[in-house]
N, C-alpha and C. Protein backbone atom coordinates (compact mmCIF):
# COMPACT_ATOMS: atom_id res chain seq x y z
N MET A 1 -16.37 -22.86 20.57
CA MET A 1 -16.60 -22.31 19.26
C MET A 1 -15.94 -20.94 19.12
N ALA A 2 -15.84 -20.19 20.19
CA ALA A 2 -15.24 -18.86 20.11
C ALA A 2 -13.78 -18.95 19.71
N ARG A 3 -13.08 -19.99 20.16
CA ARG A 3 -11.68 -20.15 19.79
C ARG A 3 -11.56 -20.38 18.29
N ALA A 4 -12.44 -21.18 17.72
CA ALA A 4 -12.40 -21.43 16.28
C ALA A 4 -12.61 -20.14 15.51
N ALA A 5 -13.51 -19.29 15.99
CA ALA A 5 -13.74 -17.99 15.34
C ALA A 5 -12.51 -17.10 15.46
N ASP A 6 -11.85 -17.15 16.59
CA ASP A 6 -10.62 -16.37 16.76
C ASP A 6 -9.54 -16.84 15.80
N TYR A 7 -9.36 -18.15 15.70
CA TYR A 7 -8.35 -18.68 14.77
C TYR A 7 -8.69 -18.29 13.32
N ALA A 8 -9.97 -18.35 12.98
CA ALA A 8 -10.39 -17.96 11.63
C ALA A 8 -10.06 -16.49 11.38
N SER A 9 -10.32 -15.64 12.36
CA SER A 9 -10.00 -14.21 12.23
C SER A 9 -8.51 -14.00 12.06
N LEU A 10 -7.73 -14.73 12.81
CA LEU A 10 -6.27 -14.57 12.75
C LEU A 10 -5.70 -15.01 11.41
N SER A 11 -6.38 -15.92 10.71
CA SER A 11 -5.87 -16.37 9.41
C SER A 11 -5.83 -15.23 8.39
N TYR A 12 -6.63 -14.19 8.60
CA TYR A 12 -6.63 -13.04 7.69
C TYR A 12 -5.37 -12.19 7.85
N LEU A 13 -4.63 -12.38 8.92
CA LEU A 13 -3.39 -11.63 9.12
C LEU A 13 -2.28 -12.10 8.19
N THR A 14 -2.49 -13.23 7.51
CA THR A 14 -1.48 -13.72 6.56
C THR A 14 -1.34 -12.78 5.38
N GLN A 15 -2.40 -12.07 5.05
CA GLN A 15 -2.41 -11.23 3.87
C GLN A 15 -1.44 -10.06 3.99
N GLY A 16 -1.36 -9.42 5.13
CA GLY A 16 -0.48 -8.26 5.28
C GLY A 16 0.80 -8.58 6.01
N ASN A 17 1.15 -9.87 6.09
CA ASN A 17 2.34 -10.31 6.82
C ASN A 17 2.34 -9.80 8.26
N SER A 18 1.17 -9.72 8.88
CA SER A 18 1.05 -9.24 10.25
C SER A 18 1.18 -10.36 11.27
N LEU A 19 1.48 -11.55 10.82
CA LEU A 19 1.60 -12.70 11.70
C LEU A 19 2.94 -13.37 11.43
N LYS A 20 3.60 -13.82 12.49
CA LYS A 20 4.89 -14.50 12.31
C LYS A 20 4.91 -15.78 13.13
N LEU A 21 5.88 -16.63 12.88
CA LEU A 21 6.03 -17.87 13.63
C LEU A 21 6.54 -17.54 15.03
N ASP A 22 5.81 -17.97 16.05
CA ASP A 22 6.22 -17.71 17.42
C ASP A 22 5.06 -18.05 18.34
N ASN A 23 5.25 -17.82 19.62
CA ASN A 23 4.17 -17.88 20.59
C ASN A 23 3.12 -16.89 20.13
N LEU A 24 1.85 -17.24 20.17
CA LEU A 24 0.80 -16.42 19.58
C LEU A 24 0.82 -14.99 20.12
N LYS A 25 1.06 -14.82 21.40
CA LYS A 25 1.05 -13.47 21.98
C LYS A 25 2.14 -12.61 21.35
N ASP A 26 3.29 -13.19 21.02
CA ASP A 26 4.38 -12.43 20.41
C ASP A 26 4.30 -12.40 18.88
N ALA A 27 3.58 -13.35 18.29
CA ALA A 27 3.51 -13.47 16.83
C ALA A 27 2.46 -12.56 16.22
N CYS A 28 1.56 -12.07 17.03
CA CYS A 28 0.39 -11.36 16.53
C CYS A 28 0.35 -9.94 17.06
N LEU A 29 -0.09 -9.01 16.23
CA LEU A 29 -0.19 -7.61 16.63
C LEU A 29 -1.60 -7.21 17.05
N CYS A 30 -2.56 -8.13 16.97
CA CYS A 30 -3.95 -7.74 17.24
C CYS A 30 -4.35 -8.02 18.69
N THR A 31 -5.51 -7.53 19.08
CA THR A 31 -5.97 -7.65 20.46
C THR A 31 -6.50 -9.04 20.81
N LEU A 32 -6.72 -9.90 19.81
CA LEU A 32 -7.20 -11.26 20.10
C LEU A 32 -6.14 -12.08 20.83
N CYS A 33 -4.90 -11.75 20.61
CA CYS A 33 -3.80 -12.55 21.14
C CYS A 33 -3.45 -12.09 22.55
N THR A 34 -4.19 -12.58 23.51
CA THR A 34 -4.02 -12.18 24.90
C THR A 34 -3.46 -13.34 25.70
N ASP A 35 -3.36 -13.15 26.99
CA ASP A 35 -2.84 -14.19 27.86
C ASP A 35 -3.70 -15.44 27.86
N SER A 36 -4.96 -15.34 27.46
CA SER A 36 -5.83 -16.52 27.42
C SER A 36 -5.38 -17.51 26.36
N TYR A 37 -4.47 -17.11 25.50
CA TYR A 37 -3.94 -17.99 24.47
C TYR A 37 -2.51 -18.41 24.76
N SER A 38 -2.14 -18.41 26.03
CA SER A 38 -0.80 -18.88 26.36
C SER A 38 -0.71 -20.36 26.02
N GLY A 39 0.42 -20.78 25.52
CA GLY A 39 0.58 -22.17 25.10
C GLY A 39 0.22 -22.39 23.65
N VAL A 40 -0.30 -21.36 22.96
CA VAL A 40 -0.64 -21.47 21.55
C VAL A 40 0.51 -20.87 20.74
N THR A 41 0.97 -21.63 19.76
CA THR A 41 2.04 -21.14 18.90
C THR A 41 1.58 -21.19 17.44
N VAL A 42 2.16 -20.29 16.66
CA VAL A 42 1.93 -20.28 15.21
C VAL A 42 3.01 -21.19 14.64
N GLU A 43 2.60 -22.34 14.12
CA GLU A 43 3.54 -23.35 13.64
C GLU A 43 3.91 -23.18 12.17
N LYS A 44 2.93 -22.82 11.33
CA LYS A 44 3.17 -22.71 9.89
C LYS A 44 2.22 -21.67 9.33
N ILE A 45 2.75 -20.82 8.44
CA ILE A 45 1.94 -19.81 7.77
C ILE A 45 2.02 -20.08 6.27
N TYR A 46 0.87 -20.19 5.65
CA TYR A 46 0.79 -20.39 4.20
C TYR A 46 0.32 -19.09 3.57
N ARG A 47 1.10 -18.60 2.63
CA ARG A 47 0.73 -17.39 1.89
C ARG A 47 0.77 -17.73 0.41
N GLY A 48 -0.31 -17.47 -0.29
CA GLY A 48 -0.36 -17.78 -1.71
C GLY A 48 -1.78 -17.77 -2.21
N VAL A 49 -2.07 -18.60 -3.20
CA VAL A 49 -3.43 -18.68 -3.74
C VAL A 49 -4.39 -19.07 -2.62
N VAL A 50 -3.97 -20.01 -1.79
CA VAL A 50 -4.72 -20.36 -0.58
C VAL A 50 -3.82 -20.01 0.60
N SER A 51 -4.33 -19.17 1.50
CA SER A 51 -3.54 -18.73 2.64
C SER A 51 -4.19 -19.24 3.93
N GLY A 52 -3.36 -19.57 4.88
CA GLY A 52 -3.87 -20.04 6.15
C GLY A 52 -2.76 -20.21 7.17
N VAL A 53 -3.15 -20.70 8.33
CA VAL A 53 -2.22 -20.82 9.46
C VAL A 53 -2.49 -22.13 10.20
N ILE A 54 -1.42 -22.75 10.66
CA ILE A 54 -1.54 -23.89 11.57
C ILE A 54 -1.14 -23.40 12.96
N PHE A 55 -2.07 -23.55 13.90
CA PHE A 55 -1.84 -23.18 15.29
C PHE A 55 -1.70 -24.46 16.11
N LYS A 56 -0.80 -24.45 17.08
CA LYS A 56 -0.64 -25.59 17.99
C LYS A 56 -0.93 -25.10 19.39
N ASP A 57 -1.88 -25.78 20.05
CA ASP A 57 -2.27 -25.44 21.42
C ASP A 57 -1.77 -26.55 22.33
N ASP A 58 -0.68 -26.29 23.03
CA ASP A 58 -0.10 -27.30 23.92
C ASP A 58 -1.00 -27.59 25.12
N TYR A 59 -1.68 -26.58 25.62
CA TYR A 59 -2.54 -26.75 26.79
C TYR A 59 -3.72 -27.67 26.48
N ARG A 60 -4.38 -27.46 25.35
CA ARG A 60 -5.53 -28.28 24.96
C ARG A 60 -5.14 -29.50 24.14
N ARG A 61 -3.86 -29.58 23.78
CA ARG A 61 -3.35 -30.67 22.95
C ARG A 61 -4.12 -30.73 21.63
N GLU A 62 -4.16 -29.58 20.93
CA GLU A 62 -4.87 -29.45 19.66
C GLU A 62 -3.98 -28.85 18.59
N ILE A 63 -4.26 -29.25 17.37
CA ILE A 63 -3.68 -28.61 16.19
C ILE A 63 -4.86 -28.01 15.43
N ASN A 64 -4.77 -26.73 15.09
CA ASN A 64 -5.85 -26.04 14.41
C ASN A 64 -5.36 -25.50 13.07
N LEU A 65 -6.06 -25.82 12.01
CA LEU A 65 -5.78 -25.29 10.69
C LEU A 65 -6.87 -24.30 10.36
N SER A 66 -6.48 -23.08 10.05
CA SER A 66 -7.43 -22.04 9.71
C SER A 66 -7.07 -21.49 8.35
N ILE A 67 -8.02 -21.49 7.42
CA ILE A 67 -7.79 -21.05 6.05
C ILE A 67 -8.53 -19.74 5.82
N LYS A 68 -7.81 -18.76 5.30
CA LYS A 68 -8.38 -17.45 5.02
C LYS A 68 -9.38 -17.55 3.88
N GLY A 69 -10.45 -16.82 3.99
CA GLY A 69 -11.46 -16.80 2.93
C GLY A 69 -11.11 -15.78 1.84
N THR A 70 -12.04 -15.55 0.96
CA THR A 70 -11.85 -14.66 -0.18
C THR A 70 -11.85 -13.21 0.27
N THR A 71 -10.81 -12.45 -0.15
CA THR A 71 -10.75 -11.03 0.22
C THR A 71 -10.39 -10.11 -0.94
N THR A 72 -9.71 -10.60 -1.96
CA THR A 72 -9.26 -9.71 -3.04
C THR A 72 -10.03 -10.00 -4.33
N ASN A 73 -9.95 -9.07 -5.26
CA ASN A 73 -10.60 -9.27 -6.56
C ASN A 73 -10.05 -10.50 -7.27
N THR A 74 -8.74 -10.71 -7.18
CA THR A 74 -8.12 -11.88 -7.81
C THR A 74 -8.68 -13.17 -7.22
N GLU A 75 -8.84 -13.20 -5.92
CA GLU A 75 -9.40 -14.39 -5.27
C GLU A 75 -10.86 -14.61 -5.68
N TRP A 76 -11.62 -13.53 -5.85
CA TRP A 76 -13.01 -13.68 -6.31
C TRP A 76 -13.03 -14.28 -7.71
N LEU A 77 -12.11 -13.85 -8.57
CA LEU A 77 -12.05 -14.44 -9.91
C LEU A 77 -11.69 -15.92 -9.85
N LEU A 78 -10.78 -16.28 -8.95
CA LEU A 78 -10.43 -17.70 -8.78
C LEU A 78 -11.62 -18.51 -8.29
N ASP A 79 -12.43 -17.91 -7.42
CA ASP A 79 -13.61 -18.61 -6.89
C ASP A 79 -14.59 -18.99 -8.00
N PHE A 80 -14.64 -18.17 -9.03
CA PHE A 80 -15.59 -18.41 -10.11
C PHE A 80 -14.95 -19.04 -11.34
N ASN A 81 -13.72 -19.46 -11.22
CA ASN A 81 -13.01 -20.12 -12.31
C ASN A 81 -13.24 -21.63 -12.21
N PHE A 82 -14.32 -22.08 -12.77
CA PHE A 82 -14.65 -23.51 -12.72
C PHE A 82 -15.36 -23.90 -14.01
N ALA A 83 -15.40 -25.15 -14.27
CA ALA A 83 -16.10 -25.68 -15.44
C ALA A 83 -17.02 -26.80 -14.99
N PRO A 84 -18.24 -26.81 -15.50
CA PRO A 84 -19.17 -27.88 -15.11
C PRO A 84 -18.71 -29.23 -15.66
N ILE A 85 -18.96 -30.26 -14.90
CA ILE A 85 -18.66 -31.63 -15.34
C ILE A 85 -19.92 -32.46 -15.19
N PRO A 86 -20.06 -33.50 -15.99
CA PRO A 86 -21.27 -34.33 -15.89
C PRO A 86 -21.35 -35.03 -14.53
N TYR A 87 -22.56 -35.16 -14.05
CA TYR A 87 -22.80 -35.85 -12.79
C TYR A 87 -23.11 -37.31 -13.07
N HIS A 88 -22.38 -38.20 -12.42
CA HIS A 88 -22.61 -39.63 -12.54
C HIS A 88 -22.87 -40.17 -11.14
N PRO A 89 -24.13 -40.48 -10.85
CA PRO A 89 -24.43 -40.94 -9.48
C PRO A 89 -23.69 -42.22 -9.14
N PHE A 90 -23.27 -42.29 -7.91
CA PHE A 90 -22.60 -43.48 -7.41
C PHE A 90 -23.66 -44.42 -6.87
N SER A 91 -23.61 -45.66 -7.31
CA SER A 91 -24.55 -46.63 -6.76
C SER A 91 -23.79 -47.88 -6.38
N ARG A 92 -24.27 -48.50 -5.38
CA ARG A 92 -23.63 -49.72 -4.86
C ARG A 92 -24.56 -50.89 -5.19
N SER A 93 -24.03 -51.87 -5.87
CA SER A 93 -24.87 -53.04 -6.18
C SER A 93 -25.02 -53.92 -4.96
N LYS A 94 -26.11 -54.64 -4.88
CA LYS A 94 -26.38 -55.51 -3.74
C LYS A 94 -25.44 -56.72 -3.75
N ASN A 95 -24.90 -57.07 -4.89
CA ASN A 95 -24.03 -58.25 -4.98
C ASN A 95 -22.55 -57.91 -4.84
N GLY A 96 -22.19 -56.66 -4.76
CA GLY A 96 -20.78 -56.29 -4.77
C GLY A 96 -20.38 -55.67 -3.55
């Protein structure tokens, strides 16, 4: 679980362009990126309305997608930009 928290923390580096494509130790300027993350690379960085990072861990044979949460006033406004829609419960008939 600690690795997932680390990846989530690293996704916030997309905002200030503090993360680049490369081996995680070389791609990141923060202290989380230590030798314990050897074999982890930053494969794709998404910057925009939704920002996040795809990490590839060759040692564990995992792909991790981490999406940055809300941090700016504009993003808070987007979070609350919704319209209610009617709820229609889904039901399954016994004959179908």
